[in-house]
Amino acid sequence: MQRTRTAGLLSSRRMLAGLLLIGVASLGLMGLGATSASAATAVPTTACVADATTGCIQGTIKQGNGDPAVGVRLTVTNGDTTENLVTDAAGKWGVAITVAGPSTVTLDATSLPSGNTLDPSIANPATVNGGLGRNAGTIFKLVSGESTGISTSAPSTGDSATSGSVTWERFLQQAASGIRLGLLLALASVGLSLIYGTTGLSNFAHGEQVTLGGLLAFVLANQLGLNLFLAAFLTVAVCAATGYFQDALIWKPLRKRGLPNTQLMIVTIGLSIALQYAFQFFIGAKTVRIDKANPVTVEIGPITLSVQSLWAMGIAVAVIILVGLFLLRSRIGRATRAVSDNPSLAAASGIDVDAIIRLVWTASAGLAGLAGVMLGLVLNGVNWQTGLQLLLLMFAAVTLGGLGTAFGALAGAMIIGMVVELTNLVLPGDFKYATALLILILVLLVRPQGIFGRRERIG
């Protein structure tokens, strides 16, 4: 029912030159000295309202037991201005900024309420990309335990932990992040695997299709002011259309000319590079946000996730189930599996192979666009390299699961997501992504056909 080949990737994009990026509150590593540089007296937080000339950086700090953390001191550096703040009775803090760009937010760990300490998974100081006319924020999560008075300076991506001792709470938090990453990877990887299965093409421009989803959602939700759900729906529709026209204008004509897959793969590499720099040309290297509101978090036992993360995970599960039912139960789904298994035999059986391939390109581009929207919400931003950074993970997922197999891609994505995030318990920063490369190498050495792939005779 499935077959194996070499690693591959998915759909390219064409009509996206100008679509913009999602602003991230990127947590960064800024020196601890910035905290003590300002000798001004901390002032209580006042409400901040963004307008054309000012922006807002704000957030809420809660104790490990859920009560507001009152009187916590923070320092916000924006351009040449440094503001000292304290959290109010609701644990809220906020400051107005007048210079767009990165601002540094430093929490004074000595001011934390008794019995609380900063979660080691949280970067302190944190770097927040603020802008005029909009709100930005960062999350300082407190956990039970005596404060040491020493700030932790660990890079952070999303909700991921990157340093500190391994505890049961950190393990559960990273496991939840791994499930989230795996589900979002699966959205993009399933289509990638299907394209390889039906055409034998490894599409290196598939990561840019994910980027396109995030950019389109940003444009529709922020530039055009559409409702977030409507913006996401239109984004998926437009991304699916790019997949349709890609096959109609590029891939089908090249297939008809009889070009080998190696040459087609080189075309996808060139398309990937062209799209990356098209994004950068129109948007720059900055990061933009789809949802500019401060992220609201939900605590489930020791696990803390944003509301956007919960929505993204729920939507991903629902879409993956629908894709699985479509492939298993529908007539077109069975035809798709038949083409993926043996295109020549499928054509001899009366199946319109070109129509199935066109459908696969369309659906795969739509799924990749949806993954881009969800990733933009979960990571609180996207930039011109977002898809490229996910490319290795998608390669590893489809190779592990079995090239050309949709359900294999799902299994591979979940495994890669869990391994990458759990590895972060012991490896700092983005070293965790190296584990995906290690898994890819081991799979190719031990079981090149993947978990759900089957052996094939070569030659």
Protein backbone atom coordinates (compact mmCIF):
# COMPACT_ATOMS: atom_id res chain seq x y z
CA MET A 1 0.00 0.00 0.00
CA GLN A 2 3.02 2.23 0.41
CA ARG A 3 6.44 2.37 -1.17
CA THR A 4 9.88 3.68 -0.48
CA ARG A 5 12.34 5.91 -2.26
CA THR A 6 14.77 8.63 -1.06
CA ALA A 7 14.07 11.65 1.13
CA GLY A 8 11.86 14.35 -0.30
CA LEU A 9 9.92 17.51 0.38
CA LEU A 10 6.83 19.26 -0.84
CA SER A 11 5.26 22.05 -2.65
CA SER A 12 6.68 25.22 -4.01
CA ARG A 13 5.01 28.53 -4.34
CA ARG A 14 4.85 31.13 -6.91
CA MET A 15 2.36 33.91 -6.54
CA LEU A 16 3.48 34.99 -3.12
CA ALA A 17 6.09 37.65 -3.79
CA GLY A 18 5.00 40.27 -1.40
CA LEU A 19 3.19 38.71 1.46
CA LEU A 20 4.68 39.49 4.86
CA LEU A 21 5.71 37.92 8.12
CA ILE A 22 4.52 37.22 11.60
CA GLY A 23 6.08 39.16 14.47
CA VAL A 24 7.59 37.02 17.13
CA ALA A 25 8.28 37.82 20.67
CA SER A 26 11.70 36.16 20.28
CA LEU A 27 13.13 35.25 23.59
CA GLY A 28 16.83 36.06 23.48
CA LEU A 29 19.96 36.02 25.55
CA MET A 30 20.90 39.58 26.51
CA GLY A 31 23.47 40.30 29.24
CA LEU A 32 22.53 40.28 32.89
CA GLY A 33 24.22 43.62 33.35
CA ALA A 34 21.31 45.45 31.73
CA THR A 35 19.22 44.84 34.83
CA SER A 36 21.38 46.81 37.17
CA ALA A 37 22.27 49.60 34.75
CA SER A 38 19.26 51.72 35.71
CA ALA A 39 19.21 53.27 39.13
CA ALA A 40 15.80 54.88 38.82
CA THR A 41 13.15 53.96 41.33
CA ALA A 42 10.69 51.33 40.13
CA VAL A 43 7.28 52.80 39.38
CA PRO A 44 3.95 50.99 39.38
CA THR A 45 2.63 49.73 36.09
CA THR A 46 0.12 51.94 34.32
CA ALA A 47 -2.28 50.95 31.57
CA CYS A 48 -0.76 51.25 28.11
CA VAL A 49 -2.78 51.97 24.98
CA ALA A 50 -1.05 51.64 21.62
CA ASP A 51 -1.55 54.37 19.02
CA ALA A 52 0.16 55.65 15.89
CA THR A 53 3.19 57.00 17.77
CA THR A 54 3.54 54.48 20.61
CA GLY A 55 3.47 50.75 21.13
CA CYS A 56 3.00 48.63 24.23
CA ILE A 57 5.02 45.86 25.83
CA GLN A 58 3.09 44.18 28.61
CA GLY A 59 2.30 40.93 30.36
CA THR A 60 1.02 39.23 33.50
CA ILE A 61 3.06 37.35 36.09
CA LYS A 62 1.45 34.73 38.32
CA GLN A 63 2.87 32.78 41.21
CA GLY A 64 3.29 29.03 41.07
CA ASN A 65 -0.06 28.61 42.87
CA GLY A 66 -1.87 30.82 40.35
CA ASP A 67 -2.13 33.96 42.53
CA PRO A 68 -0.96 37.29 41.05
CA ALA A 69 2.71 38.06 41.63
CA VAL A 70 2.51 41.55 43.14
CA GLY A 71 5.47 43.92 43.38
CA VAL A 72 7.80 42.08 41.00
CA ARG A 73 10.36 44.49 39.57
CA LEU A 74 11.11 44.60 35.85
CA THR A 75 13.34 46.73 33.66
CA VAL A 76 12.42 47.49 30.04
CA THR A 77 15.05 48.96 27.72
CA ASN A 78 13.78 50.41 24.44
CA GLY A 79 16.31 52.30 22.33
CA ASP A 80 18.05 54.74 24.66
CA THR A 81 15.23 54.67 27.22
CA THR A 82 15.10 52.45 30.30
CA GLU A 83 11.93 52.09 32.38
CA ASN A 84 11.70 50.42 35.79
CA LEU A 85 8.33 48.85 36.62
CA VAL A 86 6.59 46.82 39.31
CA THR A 87 3.63 44.51 38.79
CA ASP A 88 0.29 45.72 40.10
CA ALA A 89 -2.29 43.98 42.29
CA ALA A 90 -3.32 41.75 39.37
CA GLY A 91 0.28 40.83 38.54
CA LYS A 92 0.15 42.95 35.36
CA TRP A 93 2.93 45.09 33.97
CA GLY A 94 3.17 47.27 30.89
CA VAL A 95 5.13 50.10 29.38
CA ALA A 96 4.77 52.37 26.36
CA ILE A 97 7.57 52.39 23.79
CA THR A 98 8.36 54.98 21.14
CA VAL A 99 11.00 53.10 19.12
CA ALA A 100 10.01 50.09 17.02
CA GLY A 101 12.27 47.07 17.16
CA PRO A 102 13.79 44.82 19.83
CA SER A 103 13.30 45.77 23.47
CA THR A 104 14.92 44.03 26.42
CA VAL A 105 12.74 42.98 29.38
CA THR A 106 14.60 41.91 32.52
CA LEU A 107 12.95 40.46 35.62
CA ASP A 108 14.57 41.05 39.00
CA ALA A 109 14.58 37.55 40.49
CA THR A 110 15.24 38.94 43.98
CA SER A 111 11.82 40.63 43.94
CA LEU A 112 9.81 37.45 43.39
CA PRO A 113 7.27 36.47 46.04
CA SER A 114 8.52 34.08 48.69
CA GLY A 115 8.37 30.44 47.60
CA ASN A 116 8.58 31.24 43.88
CA THR A 117 11.35 31.15 41.32
CA LEU A 118 11.56 31.81 37.61
CA ASP A 119 10.98 28.70 35.50
CA PRO A 120 14.40 27.67 34.10
CA SER A 121 12.78 27.25 30.67
CA ILE A 122 12.19 31.01 30.45
CA ALA A 123 14.83 33.36 29.10
CA ASN A 124 15.71 36.28 31.36
CA PRO A 125 16.43 38.87 30.03
CA ALA A 126 13.94 38.40 27.19
CA THR A 127 13.97 40.21 23.86
CA VAL A 128 10.61 41.41 22.55
CA ASN A 129 10.03 42.76 19.05
CA GLY A 130 7.83 45.78 19.72
CA GLY A 131 6.22 48.05 17.15
CA LEU A 132 4.32 51.31 17.06
CA GLY A 133 0.56 51.00 17.05
CA ARG A 134 0.52 47.46 18.41
CA ASN A 135 0.93 45.37 21.54
CA ALA A 136 3.70 42.88 22.25
CA GLY A 137 4.53 40.81 25.29
CA THR A 138 6.51 38.01 26.84
CA ILE A 139 5.74 35.40 29.47
CA PHE A 140 7.63 35.07 32.74
CA LYS A 141 6.42 31.83 34.31
CA LEU A 142 7.01 31.27 38.03
CA VAL A 143 7.22 27.89 39.69
CA SER A 144 7.16 26.86 43.32
CA GLY A 145 10.56 26.91 44.99
CA GLU A 146 12.75 29.43 46.76
CA SER A 147 14.14 32.20 44.60
CA THR A 148 17.92 32.17 44.27
CA GLY A 149 18.12 35.81 43.28
CA ILE A 150 20.00 34.79 40.12
CA SER A 151 18.42 35.36 36.72
CA THR A 152 18.52 32.51 34.25
CA SER A 153 19.86 33.39 30.82
CA ALA A 154 18.71 30.61 28.54
CA PRO A 155 17.55 30.90 24.97
CA SER A 156 13.97 29.92 24.44
CA THR A 157 11.88 28.95 21.42
CA GLY A 158 8.13 28.99 21.93
CA ASP A 159 7.40 27.26 25.22
CA SER A 160 10.50 25.09 25.11
CA ALA A 161 12.77 24.61 28.05
CA THR A 162 16.44 24.83 27.36
CA SER A 163 18.30 24.64 30.63
CA GLY A 164 18.06 23.74 34.27
CA SER A 165 17.80 20.43 36.09
CA VAL A 166 15.58 17.73 34.65
CA THR A 167 12.41 17.50 36.72
CA TRP A 168 9.11 15.74 36.25
CA GLU A 169 7.43 19.10 35.62
CA ARG A 170 9.93 20.03 32.91
CA PHE A 171 9.56 16.59 31.34
CA LEU A 172 5.78 16.97 31.10
CA GLN A 173 6.11 20.51 29.74
CA GLN A 174 8.55 19.38 27.05
CA ALA A 175 6.42 16.34 26.20
CA ALA A 176 3.42 18.62 25.64
CA SER A 177 5.56 20.87 23.45
CA GLY A 178 6.71 17.78 21.55
CA ILE A 179 3.14 16.68 20.84
CA ARG A 180 2.34 20.20 19.65
CA LEU A 181 5.39 20.32 17.36
CA GLY A 182 4.67 16.83 16.05
CA LEU A 183 1.08 17.68 15.12
CA LEU A 184 2.08 20.83 13.26
CA LEU A 185 4.91 19.01 11.48
CA ALA A 186 2.43 16.33 10.46
CA LEU A 187 0.21 18.90 8.73
CA ALA A 188 3.06 19.84 6.42
CA SER A 189 4.74 16.43 6.18
CA VAL A 190 1.65 14.44 5.12
CA GLY A 191 1.32 16.45 1.92
CA LEU A 192 5.05 16.30 1.33
CA SER A 193 5.00 12.54 1.56
CA LEU A 194 2.00 12.25 -0.76
CA ILE A 195 3.70 14.36 -3.43
CA TYR A 196 6.74 12.12 -3.27
CA GLY A 197 4.51 9.06 -3.43
CA THR A 198 2.56 10.16 -6.49
CA THR A 199 5.36 11.87 -8.45
CA GLY A 200 8.65 10.68 -6.96
CA LEU A 201 9.64 14.35 -6.55
CA SER A 202 11.47 15.67 -3.51
CA ASN A 203 10.26 19.26 -3.24
CA PHE A 204 12.79 21.43 -1.45
CA ALA A 205 10.52 24.44 -1.78
CA HIS A 206 7.90 22.95 0.50
CA GLY A 207 9.20 24.89 3.49
CA GLU A 208 8.46 28.14 1.69
CA GLN A 209 4.86 27.00 1.24
CA VAL A 210 4.66 26.86 5.03
CA THR A 211 6.16 30.35 5.22
CA LEU A 212 3.60 31.58 2.71
CA GLY A 213 0.78 30.42 4.98
CA GLY A 214 2.09 32.51 7.86
CA LEU A 215 2.65 35.55 5.66
CA LEU A 216 -0.78 35.42 4.07
CA ALA A 217 -2.44 35.11 7.46
CA PHE A 218 -0.50 38.14 8.68
CA VAL A 219 -1.55 40.22 5.67
CA LEU A 220 -5.21 39.20 5.87
CA ALA A 221 -5.54 39.51 9.66
CA ASN A 222 -3.48 42.65 10.21
CA GLN A 223 -3.20 44.58 6.96
CA LEU A 224 -6.79 43.91 5.83
CA GLY A 225 -8.27 43.59 9.33
CA LEU A 226 -10.10 40.30 8.77
CA ASN A 227 -11.27 38.03 11.58
CA LEU A 228 -8.54 35.56 12.48
CA PHE A 229 -10.60 32.48 11.60
CA LEU A 230 -11.68 34.00 8.27
CA ALA A 231 -8.07 34.98 7.56
CA ALA A 232 -6.93 31.40 8.26
CA PHE A 233 -9.64 29.96 5.99
CA LEU A 234 -8.76 32.29 3.14
CA THR A 235 -5.06 31.57 3.65
CA VAL A 236 -5.61 27.85 3.24
CA ALA A 237 -7.72 28.46 0.13
CA VAL A 238 -5.11 30.71 -1.48
CA CYS A 239 -2.25 28.34 -0.60
CA ALA A 240 -4.20 25.43 -2.08
CA ALA A 241 -4.69 27.49 -5.25
CA THR A 242 -0.92 28.05 -5.48
CA GLY A 243 -0.45 24.29 -5.38
CA TYR A 244 -2.99 23.82 -8.17
CA PHE A 245 -1.37 26.40 -10.44
CA GLN A 246 2.13 25.18 -9.60
CA ASP A 247 1.31 21.79 -11.01
CA ALA A 248 -0.58 23.24 -13.98
CA LEU A 249 2.10 25.76 -14.96
CA ILE A 250 5.36 24.14 -13.84
CA TRP A 251 5.35 20.50 -12.85
CA LYS A 252 2.95 18.94 -15.35
CA PRO A 253 4.65 20.58 -18.38
CA LEU A 254 8.05 19.45 -17.07
CA ARG A 255 6.74 15.92 -16.51
CA LYS A 256 5.35 15.85 -20.04
CA ARG A 257 8.80 16.74 -21.35
CA GLY A 258 10.13 13.68 -19.58
CA LEU A 259 12.55 15.47 -17.24
CA PRO A 260 14.08 13.14 -14.65
CA ASN A 261 13.19 13.71 -11.02
CA THR A 262 16.76 14.76 -10.28
CA GLN A 263 16.40 17.77 -12.57
CA LEU A 264 12.95 18.54 -11.17
CA MET A 265 14.42 18.45 -7.67
CA ILE A 266 17.05 21.01 -8.71
CA VAL A 267 14.21 23.22 -9.97
CA THR A 268 12.58 23.02 -6.52
CA ILE A 269 15.87 24.05 -4.87
CA GLY A 270 16.10 27.09 -7.13
CA LEU A 271 12.46 27.93 -6.50
CA SER A 272 13.03 27.67 -2.75
CA ILE A 273 15.95 30.12 -2.85
CA ALA A 274 14.07 32.52 -5.10
CA LEU A 275 11.05 32.55 -2.79
CA GLN A 276 13.14 33.07 0.33
CA TYR A 277 14.73 36.17 -1.09
CA ALA A 278 11.44 37.37 -2.53
CA PHE A 279 10.02 37.24 1.00
CA GLN A 280 13.05 39.04 2.34
CA PHE A 281 12.92 41.67 -0.41
CA PHE A 282 9.31 42.60 0.23
CA ILE A 283 9.28 42.15 4.01
CA GLY A 284 12.85 42.34 5.21
CA ALA A 285 14.46 40.13 7.80
CA LYS A 286 12.05 41.16 10.55
CA THR A 287 9.49 38.93 12.22
CA VAL A 288 5.78 39.75 12.14
CA ARG A 289 2.85 38.47 14.17
CA ILE A 290 -0.53 37.18 13.10
CA ASP A 291 -2.18 37.73 16.48
CA LYS A 292 -0.84 40.88 18.10
CA ALA A 293 -2.69 40.41 21.39
CA ASN A 294 -0.73 39.25 24.40
CA PRO A 295 -0.72 35.44 24.54
CA VAL A 296 -3.08 34.04 27.18
CA THR A 297 -1.80 30.93 28.89
CA VAL A 298 -3.64 27.94 30.31
CA GLU A 299 -2.17 25.76 33.05
CA ILE A 300 -2.98 22.06 33.02
CA GLY A 301 -1.24 20.72 36.07
CA PRO A 302 2.47 21.46 35.60
CA ILE A 303 1.99 22.15 31.88
CA THR A 304 1.60 25.70 30.61
CA LEU A 305 0.44 26.30 27.04
CA SER A 306 -0.94 29.33 25.29
CA VAL A 307 -4.54 29.38 24.11
CA GLN A 308 -3.19 29.64 20.55
CA SER A 309 -1.28 26.40 21.10
CA LEU A 310 -4.39 24.58 22.27
CA TRP A 311 -6.37 25.82 19.27
CA ALA A 312 -3.56 24.85 16.91
CA MET A 313 -3.30 21.35 18.37
CA GLY A 314 -7.06 20.81 18.23
CA ILE A 315 -7.32 21.99 14.62
CA ALA A 316 -4.32 19.87 13.63
CA VAL A 317 -5.86 16.73 15.16
CA ALA A 318 -9.19 17.37 13.43
CA VAL A 319 -7.58 18.00 10.02
CA ILE A 320 -5.31 14.96 10.28
CA ILE A 321 -8.30 12.75 11.13
CA LEU A 322 -10.22 14.13 8.14
CA VAL A 323 -7.25 13.53 5.84
CA GLY A 324 -6.96 9.96 7.12
CA LEU A 325 -10.68 9.28 6.60
CA PHE A 326 -10.46 10.79 3.10
CA LEU A 327 -7.58 8.50 2.14
CA LEU A 328 -9.19 5.39 3.64
CA ARG A 329 -12.88 5.80 2.93
CA SER A 330 -13.36 7.96 -0.16
CA ARG A 331 -13.10 6.80 -3.76
CA ILE A 332 -10.66 9.58 -4.64
CA GLY A 333 -8.62 8.78 -1.54
CA ARG A 334 -8.27 5.15 -2.58
CA ALA A 335 -7.29 6.29 -6.07
CA THR A 336 -4.65 8.54 -4.52
CA ARG A 337 -3.20 5.62 -2.59
CA ALA A 338 -3.26 3.51 -5.74
CA VAL A 339 -1.30 6.14 -7.70
CA SER A 340 1.14 6.47 -4.81
CA ASP A 341 1.61 2.70 -4.76
CA ASN A 342 2.00 2.16 -8.52
CA PRO A 343 1.22 4.98 -11.00
CA SER A 344 1.51 2.75 -14.08
CA LEU A 345 -0.86 0.12 -12.71
CA ALA A 346 -3.27 2.83 -11.54
CA ALA A 347 -3.31 4.35 -15.04
CA ALA A 348 -3.94 0.92 -16.56
CA SER A 349 -6.89 0.54 -14.18
CA GLY A 350 -8.54 3.65 -15.57
CA ILE A 351 -7.45 6.17 -12.92
CA ASP A 352 -6.64 9.66 -14.23
CA VAL A 353 -3.14 9.92 -12.79
CA ASP A 354 -2.65 13.56 -13.80
CA ALA A 355 -5.89 14.57 -12.07
CA ILE A 356 -4.86 12.76 -8.89
CA ILE A 357 -1.42 14.40 -8.94
CA ARG A 358 -3.08 17.80 -9.41
CA LEU A 359 -5.34 17.10 -6.43
CA VAL A 360 -2.35 16.04 -4.31
CA TRP A 361 -0.45 19.23 -5.11
CA THR A 362 -3.50 21.31 -4.27
CA ALA A 363 -4.25 19.57 -0.97
CA SER A 364 -0.60 19.46 0.06
CA ALA A 365 -0.14 23.18 -0.50
CA GLY A 366 -3.29 23.88 1.49
CA LEU A 367 -2.10 21.71 4.39
CA ALA A 368 1.30 23.39 4.35
CA GLY A 369 -0.38 26.80 4.41
CA LEU A 370 -2.50 25.74 7.38
CA ALA A 371 0.66 24.53 9.15
CA GLY A 372 2.20 27.95 8.52
CA VAL A 373 -0.76 29.70 10.12
CA MET A 374 -0.70 27.41 13.15
CA LEU A 375 3.07 27.74 13.57
CA GLY A 376 2.80 31.51 13.30
CA LEU A 377 0.29 31.55 16.15
CA VAL A 378 2.15 29.04 18.32
CA LEU A 379 5.60 30.59 17.88
CA ASN A 380 4.07 34.08 18.05
CA GLY A 381 5.74 35.01 14.78
CA VAL A 382 7.24 33.95 11.47
CA ASN A 383 9.96 35.31 9.20
CA TRP A 384 11.37 34.66 5.74
CA GLN A 385 13.36 31.64 7.01
CA THR A 386 10.65 29.90 9.03
CA GLY A 387 9.94 27.23 6.43
CA LEU A 388 13.62 26.66 5.74
CA GLN A 389 14.25 26.04 9.44
CA LEU A 390 11.53 23.37 9.44
CA LEU A 391 12.78 21.66 6.29
CA LEU A 392 15.17 19.27 8.06
CA LEU A 393 12.46 18.25 10.52
CA MET A 394 10.04 17.51 7.68
CA PHE A 395 12.70 15.52 5.84
CA ALA A 396 13.39 13.49 8.96
CA ALA A 397 9.67 12.90 9.60
CA VAL A 398 8.83 11.57 6.12
CA THR A 399 12.01 9.48 5.99
CA LEU A 400 11.37 7.97 9.40
CA GLY A 401 7.74 7.19 8.61
CA GLY A 402 8.41 5.90 5.10
CA LEU A 403 8.67 8.02 1.95
CA GLY A 404 5.43 8.25 0.04
CA THR A 405 3.22 7.10 2.91
CA ALA A 406 0.81 9.59 4.45
CA PHE A 407 0.32 7.69 7.70
CA GLY A 408 4.05 7.10 7.94
CA ALA A 409 4.61 10.84 7.73
CA LEU A 410 2.18 11.35 10.62
CA ALA A 411 3.96 8.77 12.79
CA GLY A 412 7.37 10.14 11.84
CA ALA A 413 6.33 13.71 12.61
CA MET A 414 5.07 12.78 16.08
CA ILE A 415 8.28 10.92 16.87
CA ILE A 416 10.49 13.73 15.60
CA GLY A 417 8.48 16.34 17.51
CA MET A 418 8.77 14.42 20.79
CA VAL A 419 12.47 13.61 20.38
CA VAL A 420 13.40 17.17 19.44
CA GLU A 421 11.59 18.74 22.40
CA LEU A 422 12.63 16.14 24.97
CA THR A 423 16.23 16.43 23.83
CA ASN A 424 15.99 20.06 24.88
CA LEU A 425 15.96 18.86 28.48
CA VAL A 426 19.68 18.21 28.24
CA LEU A 427 20.84 20.14 25.16
CA PRO A 428 20.88 23.95 25.08
CA GLY A 429 19.16 26.13 22.53
CA ASP A 430 18.76 25.04 18.93
CA PHE A 431 21.14 22.09 19.38
CA LYS A 432 17.96 20.10 19.80
CA TYR A 433 17.36 20.32 16.04
CA ALA A 434 20.56 18.38 15.43
CA THR A 435 18.79 15.32 16.81
CA ALA A 436 16.53 15.35 13.73
CA LEU A 437 19.61 15.02 11.52
CA LEU A 438 20.92 12.21 13.71
CA ILE A 439 17.61 10.35 13.43
CA LEU A 440 17.62 10.86 9.66
CA ILE A 441 21.09 9.32 9.35
CA LEU A 442 20.29 6.37 11.62
CA VAL A 443 17.06 5.60 9.76
CA LEU A 444 18.84 5.60 6.41
CA LEU A 445 21.52 3.30 7.80
CA VAL A 446 19.27 0.85 9.66
CA ARG A 447 15.89 0.92 7.93
CA PRO A 448 16.00 3.09 4.80
CA GLN A 449 12.39 2.26 3.89
CA GLY A 450 11.14 3.82 7.13
CA ILE A 451 8.60 2.54 9.64
CA PHE A 452 5.69 2.06 7.22
CA GLY A 453 7.69 1.74 4.01
CA ARG A 454 8.45 -1.55 2.35
CA ARG A 455 11.58 -2.89 0.78
CA GLU A 456 12.00 -2.55 -2.96
CA ARG A 457 14.42 -4.13 -5.31
CA ILE A 458 16.78 -1.61 -6.89
CA GLY A 459 18.18 -2.26 -10.37
